Each structure stands twice: as structure tokens, then as C-alpha cells.
């Protein structure tokens, strides 16, 4: 799949891989990963009180972000040279709703796209006095710089029905520019369905739309009958459209449509729907209502999932007016068949990693119940935060046990301990991989050795031969 426009929150940059990072170097040398520079550690939430976020890396090398604000009254944009930099980047207001008339109602879900040499922003807007009269409009920038440039309303998106319309995204496939969006179709008893059509201009369709998905499954109709917020990803010979379903409280979730890259995208039969949601709320990690996602890549080309979610489950009043849907990011992985593995929303803190021992292809450091192990298991059991503390010591926190970290007992067997316990047991010095690449974790106490596995059991012990060094060396992904 090729993109004629910059990949957006709903179209990831082409050519980026999801493979493991290689961190070469000599054994036992102090090592700090590329994300360890000042201001470069990405932590969740990335940006608070910003929902429906679109994050992408443009071909100028910078990251751009736009999102809905809690007041629903303006369009905002920020830019930074790094993903982490978006957290503190100055936010520009590029447009405010008028005080009356058309476009004077709720302003939702903007998306920034580079089309035919000009910046365009798609967004949904109601009218003053009728804020839920939601239709889709487009702004066009009159200058080259999207953040500092002058913006003006180009017009309203034209679809076959004058009805509730929102969440438009643009992508190109094999030389054809498409629009994918959500809309209420008269005669169908749903709040919104998903549609696809090639674009003739930024405001007009080149042919009648194809209806890709109607909310009919139980997890798509909780509270409201909703399919919305399509996000396009091209990987492994297929096109994937992640979309959001149900009410915007803790029941909000992601589903997935899949089509072969060689298929006729305008044929609804070319698309298959996931029978179950692919991304849902998590009590273990404390993130609720994950949805309205986008896709991007990190500075090393690894795929990232961008989404919003709350840190609590219970909401007072209408969830649309609860301001705490925060923008979050995490790595996107893949099942052996090449389909995305979304895992669970990873919770507050650093973006977690997966650690694969060099001598066990396909196996990962993982949490097996309450015990660390090495082997295979669901994605969430294999994700650990590398938390950097005083003196540069690193602790490893499984995302499913916030506040608990790996710690070695006096006999070297590794279990879980509170993160406030003895750093001599739970802290490690990260060094270059003992096997010549990757990374190893040396015990703080001299002579105790390294974090490693022995027949699947995780221990801290010396690595005295080639097999031991391989078992103590991890590829990071």
C-alpha cells in the first residue's frame, strides 16, 4: 500500500517495521537505550484531556497531533521533533467556532491531511442552538506551515445523505485516494455506520459509497449502535480498519475490519469483521473506554497505537462531557498470521517493552500468574516497563501488576516485590548484551550476575558460558 498523503491517526506510515530493536555492543558496557535522552521517554498519558487524537510523523520528520478538546469549541494543533515532545509542545489554536449559525455547535474529531500540496483538516461540527446537528467540514491552510499558517473553511463534505456525519479519514491505495467515515444512513436503525469511497476533491466523492460495516454485534450496540472513528493500517498484504463501537464510557472499544490488499476495496464482501472486540477496558491496568484510535511509528520505525482512555470506570453524567479522555500511545504487535495484536491498554507510565531471550526464539520474559517466567503467552503478560530510578537503576514492572517489579530472593530466584522495596533486589544496571547484541540486566550487588532464565525459570545468577550469556541477553521490541 502506498500513501499519497501523510499517514494519519488512521493511516500508518508505509514501510515501518514492527520487528525487534538491535542494540549492539560489547558485554557489560553501560547502556542507555535511544529513548533515554532528556525529554525522550514517552509516558502515558501522552497528553491529558485530549480525545480522538490523530498523531502522525510527517515527511518533514516532525510529529503532528490534533484532537478534540473538552470544550468542543476549537481546533488545535501541536508539533514536535519527537513523539515524547508532543507532551509539552505549544498548542496552536488554528480555528474557533463562530458564536452563532452553522458550525457554531460541538466541534469534534479533527484530522490533518496533506492533499495536493496543501494542508487540510477534516472535522465534525454542529450548529449554534443545535449542537448535535453534526456534519463534516474541511479547513484548508493558506500557507505551508500548518501550525502558524492561516486557515479558512473550505466547505462541507458532500455525501449522499444530509445526516449525522463524522470521523473522516483519508488514505491512498494503489493510486486511488479514499475517504472512510462514519454516518447515519436514513432507513437504518443505527447511530452510525462505516462508509468508503474514492475522493474526487477534498469535499466530493468520485463514486457512490460502499457501506463497510453496520453495528449489529452485541459489543457494538451497548448504549448506542455505533461504528465510528475508522483508522486505516496497511500491513502484511492486507488492509485493516480499526474502528470504535458502543457508548463512549467504559464500554467503548475497538473492532477490526480486514481486506486483502489485492481486493476490490469498494466491495463490502471483501471486508471481514472481527467477531469480538480487539481492544477493551482493563481493570488490571486501570484504563477504561479505550478507542478512537490512530496509528503512527516511533523514531525507530516501530508501529504505535494511539488512542484515548480514562483512568477511572465510573462517570457522573453524560460521558461526552467528562473531560478526562487522555491521549495514550503504545506499541502495536502482530499475531503469527500477520494480523494486529492490540493486547490491552497498558496504563500509566512508560511505554512497555517485550524482552525476548536470545536463546529462545519466539519466547518472551512474561508473567505467569504471579511469577515471572520465559515462554509464550498473551501479549499483555509479556509487556514490562523499564523504569529508570535513582543512580540510573532500572526496574522491570509488568503492566498487569502496576507497582510491582521483578526482584531476586537471596537464592537468586526472581519473583515480584513492591516497587518501594530494596533496590538492591529489584534494581538492575542495564548493560550491552552479553552475547554481543541486545541488552542485559546486571544485578546491583557485584558478583550476583545477571537477570536470565534457566529452563524457563527466571533467576539472577552468573552467566559463565556461551549458553548462560545467551540466556541473559534480551532483544527489545
Protein backbone atom coordinates (compact mmCIF):
# COMPACT_ATOMS: atom_id res chain seq x y z
CA UNK A 1 0.00 0.00 0.00
CA UNK A 2 1.29 3.45 -0.88
CA UNK A 3 0.20 6.71 0.67
CA UNK A 4 -0.11 9.90 -1.35
CA UNK A 5 -0.85 11.84 1.82
CA UNK A 6 1.00 11.74 5.15
CA UNK A 7 -0.06 8.79 7.27
CA UNK A 8 -2.54 9.91 9.84
CA UNK A 9 -4.08 8.67 13.05
CA UNK A 10 -5.94 6.35 10.67
CA UNK A 11 -3.14 5.56 8.20
CA UNK A 12 0.26 4.48 9.45
CA UNK A 13 3.48 5.37 7.65
CA UNK A 14 4.28 2.84 4.96
CA UNK A 15 7.46 0.84 5.23
CA UNK A 16 7.79 0.86 9.01
CA UNK A 17 8.52 -2.48 10.59
CA UNK A 18 7.40 -3.91 13.87
CA UNK A 19 10.49 -6.03 14.45
CA UNK A 20 12.75 -6.10 17.48
CA UNK A 21 15.35 -3.40 18.02
CA UNK A 22 19.02 -4.43 17.85
CA UNK A 23 21.18 -2.77 20.47
CA UNK A 24 24.67 -3.92 19.59
CA UNK A 25 27.77 -3.59 21.73
CA UNK A 26 30.26 -5.31 23.96
CA UNK A 27 29.33 -7.26 27.07
CA UNK A 28 28.89 -5.45 30.37
CA UNK A 29 29.30 -1.96 28.93
CA UNK A 30 26.88 0.57 30.47
CA UNK A 31 23.97 1.03 28.11
CA UNK A 32 21.15 3.52 27.76
CA UNK A 33 18.55 2.94 25.10
CA UNK A 34 17.76 5.58 22.49
CA UNK A 35 14.68 6.70 24.38
CA UNK A 36 16.66 7.59 27.48
CA UNK A 37 17.81 11.07 26.49
CA UNK A 38 16.36 14.12 28.25
CA UNK A 39 12.72 14.51 27.34
CA UNK A 40 12.70 11.40 25.15
CA UNK A 41 10.93 8.91 27.41
CA UNK A 42 7.33 8.53 26.27
CA UNK A 43 4.95 8.19 29.20
CA UNK A 44 1.21 7.68 29.34
CA UNK A 45 -0.96 9.60 29.22
CA UNK A 46 0.95 11.40 26.47
CA UNK A 47 -1.39 14.42 26.55
CA UNK A 48 -4.15 14.84 29.11
CA UNK A 49 -7.71 15.88 28.23
CA UNK A 50 -7.27 15.37 24.52
CA UNK A 51 -9.65 12.84 22.95
CA UNK A 52 -9.98 11.45 19.41
CA UNK A 53 -6.29 12.09 18.85
CA UNK A 54 -4.59 11.93 15.49
CA UNK A 55 -0.80 11.61 15.74
CA UNK A 56 1.44 11.11 12.73
CA UNK A 57 5.02 11.64 11.62
CA UNK A 58 5.13 13.82 8.53
CA UNK A 59 7.80 13.59 5.85
CA UNK A 60 9.43 16.71 7.33
CA UNK A 61 10.43 14.46 10.25
CA UNK A 62 8.19 16.12 12.82
CA UNK A 63 5.27 14.64 14.72
CA UNK A 64 1.89 16.38 14.43
CA UNK A 65 -1.06 15.97 16.77
CA UNK A 66 -4.62 17.22 16.74
CA UNK A 67 -7.55 16.13 18.92
CA UNK A 68 -10.90 17.08 20.41
CA UNK A 69 -10.76 19.47 23.36
CA UNK A 70 -13.19 19.09 26.30
CA UNK A 71 -14.94 22.38 25.48
CA UNK A 72 -15.66 21.22 21.89
CA UNK A 73 -15.22 24.80 20.73
CA UNK A 74 -11.98 24.96 18.71
CA UNK A 75 -9.44 23.12 16.58
CA UNK A 76 -5.92 22.73 17.92
CA UNK A 77 -2.62 21.50 16.56
CA UNK A 78 0.80 20.81 18.04
CA UNK A 79 4.12 19.74 16.53
CA UNK A 80 7.36 18.34 17.94
CA UNK A 81 10.54 16.72 16.60
CA UNK A 82 9.95 13.70 18.85
CA UNK A 83 6.93 11.75 19.97
CA UNK A 84 7.69 12.50 23.63
CA UNK A 85 7.96 16.18 22.74
CA UNK A 86 4.25 16.34 21.91
CA UNK A 87 3.53 16.18 25.63
CA UNK A 88 4.98 19.65 26.20
CA UNK A 89 4.75 21.18 22.72
CA UNK A 90 2.99 24.52 22.44
CA UNK A 91 -0.54 24.03 21.19
CA UNK A 92 -1.81 26.38 18.48
CA UNK A 93 -5.47 27.21 18.04
CA UNK A 94 -5.97 27.23 14.28
CA UNK A 95 -9.74 27.86 14.27
CA UNK A 96 -12.57 28.71 16.67
CA UNK A 97 -16.26 28.07 16.11
CA UNK A 98 -18.48 31.06 15.32
CA UNK A 99 -20.78 32.37 18.05
CA UNK A 100 -23.90 31.68 16.03
CA UNK A 101 -25.18 29.85 12.99
CA UNK A 102 -23.64 26.97 11.09
CA UNK A 103 -20.56 25.36 12.70
CA UNK A 104 -21.40 27.07 16.00
CA UNK A 105 -22.12 23.80 17.86
CA UNK A 106 -19.90 20.97 19.10
CA UNK A 107 -16.57 20.60 17.31
CA UNK A 108 -15.33 17.01 17.20
CA UNK A 109 -12.57 14.72 15.98
CA UNK A 110 -10.25 16.73 13.69
CA UNK A 111 -7.83 15.08 11.27
CA UNK A 112 -4.95 16.75 9.45
CA UNK A 113 -4.07 15.64 5.90
CA UNK A 114 -1.67 16.83 3.19
CA UNK A 115 -3.63 16.74 -0.09
CA UNK A 116 -2.32 18.01 -3.42
CA UNK A 117 0.33 20.18 -1.80
CA UNK A 118 -1.96 21.80 0.78
CA UNK A 119 -2.82 21.12 4.41
CA UNK A 120 -6.47 20.18 5.01
CA UNK A 121 -8.26 19.48 8.27
CA UNK A 122 -11.43 17.39 8.38
CA UNK A 123 -13.65 17.87 11.42
CA UNK A 124 -17.23 17.42 12.59
CA UNK A 125 -19.34 20.39 13.71
CA UNK A 126 -22.83 21.09 14.93
CA UNK A 127 -24.75 24.35 14.66
CA UNK A 128 -25.33 27.01 17.30
CA UNK A 129 -28.61 26.18 19.04
CA UNK A 130 -28.45 22.67 17.57
CA UNK A 131 -25.03 21.40 18.69
CA UNK A 132 -25.71 17.76 17.75
CA UNK A 133 -26.56 18.65 14.15
CA UNK A 134 -23.19 17.11 13.32
CA UNK A 135 -21.85 17.33 9.77
CA UNK A 136 -18.31 17.08 8.39
CA UNK A 137 -16.42 20.14 7.16
CA UNK A 138 -12.94 20.84 5.83
CA UNK A 139 -10.49 23.62 6.61
CA UNK A 140 -7.67 24.47 4.21
CA UNK A 141 -4.41 26.14 5.19
CA UNK A 142 -3.40 29.09 3.04
CA UNK A 143 0.28 28.71 3.97
CA UNK A 144 2.90 25.92 4.05
CA UNK A 145 3.21 25.81 7.84
CA UNK A 146 0.17 24.12 9.36
CA UNK A 147 0.86 25.38 12.89
CA UNK A 148 1.48 29.05 12.13
CA UNK A 149 -0.44 29.34 8.85
CA UNK A 150 -3.79 30.96 8.12
CA UNK A 151 -6.77 28.62 7.91
CA UNK A 152 -10.18 29.07 6.28
CA UNK A 153 -13.28 26.90 5.91
CA UNK A 154 -13.24 25.22 2.50
CA UNK A 155 -16.77 23.80 2.79
CA UNK A 156 -18.94 20.88 3.84
CA UNK A 157 -18.21 17.30 2.83
CA UNK A 158 -20.80 16.14 0.31
CA UNK A 159 -22.23 12.64 0.84
CA UNK A 160 -25.49 11.08 -0.44
CA UNK A 161 -27.37 11.93 2.77
CA UNK A 162 -27.68 15.13 4.78
CA UNK A 163 -27.36 13.34 8.12
CA UNK A 164 -25.14 12.89 11.19
CA UNK A 165 -21.60 12.60 9.74
CA UNK A 166 -18.22 12.48 11.47
CA UNK A 167 -14.75 10.93 11.77
CA UNK A 168 -13.46 11.25 8.20
CA UNK A 169 -10.03 9.89 7.35
CA UNK A 170 -8.11 9.99 4.07
CA UNK A 171 -5.72 7.36 2.70
CA UNK A 172 -4.42 6.26 -0.71
CA UNK A 173 -4.19 2.73 -2.04
CA UNK A 174 -2.68 1.85 -5.40
CA UNK A 175 -3.02 5.36 -6.74
CA UNK A 176 -6.57 5.96 -5.56
CA UNK A 177 -7.33 8.41 -2.77
CA UNK A 178 -10.11 7.21 -0.49
CA UNK A 179 -12.25 8.71 2.23
CA UNK A 180 -13.50 6.48 5.05
CA UNK A 181 -16.03 7.93 7.50
CA UNK A 182 -18.96 7.33 9.89
CA UNK A 183 -22.52 8.41 9.13
CA UNK A 184 -26.14 7.76 9.99
CA UNK A 185 -27.85 6.40 6.90
CA UNK A 186 -31.57 7.14 6.73
CA UNK A 187 -33.61 3.95 6.93
CA UNK A 188 -31.07 2.05 9.03
CA UNK A 189 -31.76 1.96 12.78
CA UNK A 190 -28.24 2.78 13.98
CA UNK A 191 -26.40 5.85 15.19
CA UNK A 192 -23.60 5.48 12.65
CA UNK A 193 -22.16 3.02 10.14
CA UNK A 194 -18.83 2.97 8.29
CA UNK A 195 -18.53 4.02 4.64
CA UNK A 196 -15.80 4.14 2.00
CA UNK A 197 -15.48 6.00 -1.31
CA UNK A 198 -12.77 7.40 -3.58
CA UNK A 199 -12.39 11.17 -3.40
CA UNK A 200 -12.83 13.44 -6.40
CA UNK A 201 -11.91 16.56 -4.42
CA UNK A 202 -11.41 17.12 -0.69
CA UNK A 203 -15.17 17.82 -0.47
CA UNK A 204 -16.70 15.45 -3.03
CA UNK A 205 -16.82 11.72 -3.68
CA UNK A 206 -15.83 10.20 -7.02
CA UNK A 207 -18.49 7.47 -6.82
CA UNK A 208 -21.31 6.31 -4.52
CA UNK A 209 -20.02 5.00 -1.19
CA UNK A 210 -19.74 1.39 -0.09
CA UNK A 211 -21.21 0.53 3.30
CA UNK A 212 -18.42 -1.39 5.07
CA UNK A 213 -19.92 -2.07 8.49
CA UNK A 214 -23.17 -1.75 10.43
CA UNK A 215 -23.18 -2.23 14.21
CA UNK A 216 -25.04 -5.47 14.86
CA UNK A 217 -22.85 -7.48 17.25
CA UNK A 218 -23.58 -7.25 21.00
CA UNK A 219 -20.34 -5.36 21.77
CA UNK A 220 -21.11 -2.78 19.04
CA UNK A 221 -24.50 -1.72 20.37
CA UNK A 222 -24.00 -1.20 24.12
CA UNK A 223 -25.60 2.14 24.97
CA UNK A 224 -25.68 3.21 21.32
CA UNK A 225 -25.49 1.41 17.98
CA UNK A 226 -22.15 2.80 16.88
CA UNK A 227 -19.44 2.13 14.32
CA UNK A 228 -17.20 5.20 14.08
CA UNK A 229 -13.64 6.54 14.00
CA UNK A 230 -12.11 4.36 11.25
CA UNK A 231 -8.31 4.10 11.30
CA UNK A 232 -6.52 2.53 8.33
CA UNK A 233 -3.41 0.35 8.62
CA UNK A 234 -1.62 -1.44 5.76
CA UNK A 235 0.50 -4.41 6.78
CA UNK A 236 1.39 -7.92 5.68
CA UNK A 237 -0.53 -7.88 2.42
CA UNK A 238 -3.77 -6.66 3.99
CA UNK A 239 -5.64 -3.51 4.86
CA UNK A 240 -7.01 -3.21 8.37
CA UNK A 241 -9.60 -0.71 9.53
CA UNK A 242 -9.79 -0.36 13.29
CA UNK A 243 -12.99 1.32 14.43
CA UNK A 244 -14.75 2.27 17.66
CA UNK A 245 -18.04 0.86 18.89
CA UNK A 246 -20.73 1.37 21.57
CA UNK A 247 -21.15 4.24 24.04
CA UNK A 248 -18.20 6.46 24.98
CA UNK A 249 -17.97 5.20 28.58
CA UNK A 250 -16.12 2.07 29.76
CA UNK A 251 -17.99 0.05 27.11
CA UNK A 252 -16.23 1.89 24.28
CA UNK A 253 -13.92 -0.50 22.41
CA UNK A 254 -12.20 -1.25 19.11
CA UNK A 255 -13.26 -3.65 16.38
CA UNK A 256 -11.32 -4.58 13.25
CA UNK A 257 -12.19 -4.91 9.56
CA UNK A 258 -9.78 -6.79 7.27
CA UNK A 259 -9.41 -6.92 3.48
CA UNK A 260 -6.77 -8.40 1.22
CA UNK A 261 -4.58 -5.72 -0.36
CA UNK A 262 -5.47 -7.06 -3.83
CA UNK A 263 -9.22 -6.98 -3.21
CA UNK A 264 -11.72 -4.50 -4.59
CA UNK A 265 -11.99 -2.25 -1.55
CA UNK A 266 -15.35 -0.96 -2.71
CA UNK A 267 -16.86 -4.42 -2.46
CA UNK A 268 -18.34 -4.83 1.05
CA UNK A 269 -17.84 -8.59 0.72
CA UNK A 270 -14.07 -8.06 0.59
CA UNK A 271 -14.07 -6.99 4.23
CA UNK A 272 -14.28 -9.34 7.19
CA UNK A 273 -15.25 -8.17 10.68
CA UNK A 274 -13.71 -9.38 13.94
CA UNK A 275 -16.32 -11.42 15.84
CA UNK A 276 -15.09 -9.99 19.15
CA UNK A 277 -13.62 -6.58 20.06
CA UNK A 278 -9.85 -6.36 19.68
CA UNK A 279 -9.22 -3.71 22.37
CA UNK A 280 -11.28 -3.19 25.54
CA UNK A 281 -11.18 -1.67 29.02
CA UNK A 282 -8.78 -3.25 31.51
CA UNK A 283 -9.26 -3.42 35.28
CA UNK A 284 -5.68 -4.72 35.66
CA UNK A 285 -4.09 -1.69 34.02
CA UNK A 286 -6.76 0.83 35.04
CA UNK A 287 -7.68 2.17 31.59
CA UNK A 288 -11.34 2.43 30.58
CA UNK A 289 -13.11 3.18 27.32
CA UNK A 290 -10.11 2.83 25.00
CA UNK A 291 -10.96 3.92 21.49
CA UNK A 292 -10.97 6.46 18.67
CA UNK A 293 -7.50 5.36 17.68
CA UNK A 294 -4.88 6.25 15.11
CA UNK A 295 -1.64 4.61 14.02
CA UNK A 296 1.87 6.05 13.75
CA UNK A 297 5.50 4.98 14.20
CA UNK A 298 8.17 5.81 16.76
CA UNK A 299 11.56 7.26 15.92
CA UNK A 300 12.89 3.76 15.25
CA UNK A 301 10.12 2.87 12.83
CA UNK A 302 8.14 0.62 15.17
CA UNK A 303 4.37 0.67 14.85
CA UNK A 304 2.41 2.53 17.52
CA UNK A 305 -1.23 2.56 18.50
CA UNK A 306 -2.65 5.95 19.54
CA UNK A 307 -5.95 6.06 21.42
CA UNK A 308 -7.80 7.80 24.23
CA UNK A 309 -8.99 6.35 27.52
CA UNK A 310 -9.90 7.29 31.09
CA UNK A 311 -8.15 6.35 34.34
CA UNK A 312 -11.46 5.50 36.05
CA UNK A 313 -14.56 3.49 35.24
CA UNK A 314 -17.44 5.33 36.90
CA UNK A 315 -18.59 8.56 35.24
CA UNK A 316 -21.02 11.10 36.61
CA UNK A 317 -23.42 12.34 33.94
CA UNK A 318 -23.03 12.13 30.18
CA UNK A 319 -19.62 10.59 29.31
CA UNK A 320 -19.28 13.01 26.39
CA UNK A 321 -18.84 15.81 28.90
CA UNK A 322 -16.36 14.06 31.15
CA UNK A 323 -13.10 15.82 30.20
CA UNK A 324 -10.61 13.09 31.11
CA UNK A 325 -10.26 11.10 27.93
CA UNK A 326 -6.48 11.28 27.67
CA UNK A 327 -4.31 10.62 24.61
CA UNK A 328 -2.18 7.49 25.04
CA UNK A 329 0.30 5.54 22.92
CA UNK A 330 1.69 2.03 23.00
CA UNK A 331 3.47 -0.38 20.68
CA UNK A 332 1.43 -2.37 18.21
CA UNK A 333 2.42 -6.01 17.73
CA UNK A 334 1.30 -8.77 15.37
CA UNK A 335 -0.04 -12.30 15.64
CA UNK A 336 1.83 -15.04 13.74
CA UNK A 337 -0.76 -14.77 10.95
CA UNK A 338 0.16 -11.11 10.40
CA UNK A 339 -2.93 -9.55 11.96
CA UNK A 340 -2.53 -6.81 14.61
CA UNK A 341 -2.33 -7.87 18.24
CA UNK A 342 -3.63 -4.89 20.22
CA UNK A 343 -3.22 -6.50 23.64
CA UNK A 344 -4.68 -4.36 26.43
CA UNK A 345 -4.37 -0.62 27.16
CA UNK A 346 -1.07 -0.53 29.02
CA UNK A 347 -1.87 2.01 31.73
CA UNK A 348 0.00 4.92 33.29
CA UNK A 349 3.77 5.13 32.90
CA UNK A 350 6.49 4.44 30.37
CA UNK A 351 5.65 2.63 27.13
CA UNK A 352 6.43 -1.01 27.94
CA UNK A 353 8.72 -3.35 26.03
CA UNK A 354 8.88 -7.05 25.29
CA UNK A 355 12.10 -8.84 26.21
CA UNK A 356 12.98 -11.96 24.20
CA UNK A 357 15.94 -14.07 25.41
CA UNK A 358 18.41 -14.72 22.62
CA UNK A 359 18.42 -18.49 23.10
CA UNK A 360 14.62 -18.97 22.99
CA UNK A 361 13.19 -17.83 19.62
CA UNK A 362 9.51 -16.97 19.96
CA UNK A 363 9.65 -16.86 23.77
CA UNK A 364 9.50 -13.78 25.99
CA UNK A 365 10.03 -12.75 29.56
CA UNK A 366 6.46 -12.94 30.85
CA UNK A 367 4.27 -13.03 33.90
CA UNK A 368 2.76 -16.46 34.52
CA UNK A 369 0.15 -15.73 37.16
CA UNK A 370 2.21 -14.01 39.87
CA UNK A 371 5.57 -15.49 38.83
CA UNK A 372 7.97 -14.35 36.12
CA UNK A 373 8.82 -16.97 33.52
CA UNK A 374 10.13 -17.29 29.98
CA UNK A 375 7.80 -18.70 27.36
CA UNK A 376 4.76 -17.91 25.24
CA UNK A 377 1.53 -16.31 26.33
CA UNK A 378 -0.92 -13.45 25.69
CA UNK A 379 0.73 -10.17 24.70
CA UNK A 380 -0.16 -8.38 27.94
CA UNK A 381 1.72 -10.98 30.01
CA UNK A 382 4.93 -10.21 28.09
CA UNK A 383 4.99 -6.42 28.45
CA UNK A 384 7.27 -4.80 31.04
CA UNK A 385 8.11 -1.19 31.77
CA UNK A 386 11.77 -0.33 32.12
CA UNK A 387 11.50 2.19 34.95
CA UNK A 388 14.64 4.25 35.47
CA UNK A 389 15.21 5.26 39.08
CA UNK A 390 17.94 6.84 41.21
CA UNK A 391 21.53 6.28 40.05
CA UNK A 392 20.23 5.02 36.72
CA UNK A 393 18.99 1.73 38.15
CA UNK A 394 16.32 0.04 36.07
CA UNK A 395 13.39 -1.91 37.48
CA UNK A 396 11.08 -4.09 35.40
CA UNK A 397 7.36 -3.64 36.06
CA UNK A 398 4.82 -5.99 34.43
CA UNK A 399 1.91 -3.96 33.09
CA UNK A 400 -0.58 -6.36 34.67
CA UNK A 401 0.84 -5.70 38.15
CA UNK A 402 1.30 -1.91 38.47
CA UNK A 403 3.52 -1.03 41.42
CA UNK A 404 5.20 -4.46 41.46
CA UNK A 405 8.62 -5.15 39.96
CA UNK A 406 10.91 -8.11 39.40
CA UNK A 407 13.08 -8.81 42.46
CA UNK A 408 15.58 -11.56 43.29
CA UNK A 409 15.49 -13.52 46.54
CA UNK A 410 18.77 -14.34 48.36
CA UNK A 411 18.96 -17.65 46.49
CA UNK A 412 18.60 -15.87 43.14
CA UNK A 413 15.02 -16.88 42.25
CA UNK A 414 13.11 -13.91 40.81
CA UNK A 415 9.60 -13.02 41.93
CA UNK A 416 7.57 -9.84 42.41
CA UNK A 417 8.07 -7.20 45.08
CA UNK A 418 6.67 -3.75 45.78
CA UNK A 419 8.47 -1.11 43.78
CA UNK A 420 9.34 0.67 47.04
CA UNK A 421 11.25 -2.33 48.39
CA UNK A 422 15.04 -2.79 48.47
CA UNK A 423 16.50 -1.51 45.13
CA UNK A 424 19.39 -3.91 45.67
CA UNK A 425 16.95 -6.74 44.95
CA UNK A 426 14.74 -5.11 42.35
CA UNK A 427 17.10 -2.72 40.57
CA UNK A 428 19.40 -3.64 37.69
CA UNK A 429 22.10 -1.92 35.72
CA UNK A 430 21.23 -2.14 32.06
CA UNK A 431 24.28 -3.12 30.02
CA UNK A 432 25.02 -4.09 26.47
CA UNK A 433 24.02 -7.64 25.71
CA UNK A 434 26.44 -10.28 26.94
CA UNK A 435 26.01 -12.18 23.67
CA UNK A 436 27.21 -9.22 21.60
CA UNK A 437 23.90 -7.51 20.90
CA UNK A 438 20.62 -6.85 22.62
CA UNK A 439 20.58 -5.82 26.27
CA UNK A 440 21.38 -7.50 29.59
CA UNK A 441 20.41 -6.59 33.16
CA UNK A 442 23.20 -6.83 35.72
CA UNK A 443 22.43 -7.26 39.43
CA UNK A 444 23.40 -4.30 41.58
CA UNK A 445 25.43 -6.42 44.01
CA UNK A 446 28.82 -7.33 42.48
CA UNK A 447 29.21 -10.99 41.65
CA UNK A 448 25.50 -11.88 41.71
CA UNK A 449 25.32 -11.97 37.94
CA UNK A 450 22.51 -11.12 35.54
CA UNK A 451 18.79 -11.50 35.03
CA UNK A 452 18.44 -14.67 32.97
CA UNK A 453 16.37 -17.78 32.54
CA UNK A 454 17.26 -21.34 33.34
CA UNK A 455 14.88 -23.86 31.80
CA UNK A 456 12.14 -21.23 31.75
CA UNK A 457 12.67 -20.16 35.39
CA UNK A 458 13.81 -16.56 35.84
CA UNK A 459 16.82 -16.15 38.11
CA UNK A 460 19.68 -13.81 38.88
CA UNK A 461 22.95 -15.70 38.57
CA UNK A 462 26.34 -15.53 36.84
CA UNK A 463 26.45 -16.15 33.09
CA UNK A 464 29.72 -18.06 32.79
CA UNK A 465 29.50 -19.69 29.37
CA UNK A 466 28.01 -19.03 25.94
CA UNK A 467 24.68 -20.62 26.85
CA UNK A 468 24.44 -18.55 30.01
CA UNK A 469 25.28 -15.34 28.16
CA UNK A 470 22.60 -16.06 25.55
CA UNK A 471 20.03 -16.72 28.28
CA UNK A 472 20.92 -13.39 29.87
CA UNK A 473 20.68 -11.39 26.63
CA UNK A 474 17.33 -9.97 25.54
CA UNK A 475 16.13 -8.48 22.30
CA UNK A 476 13.89 -5.47 22.98
CA UNK A 477 10.74 -4.93 20.94
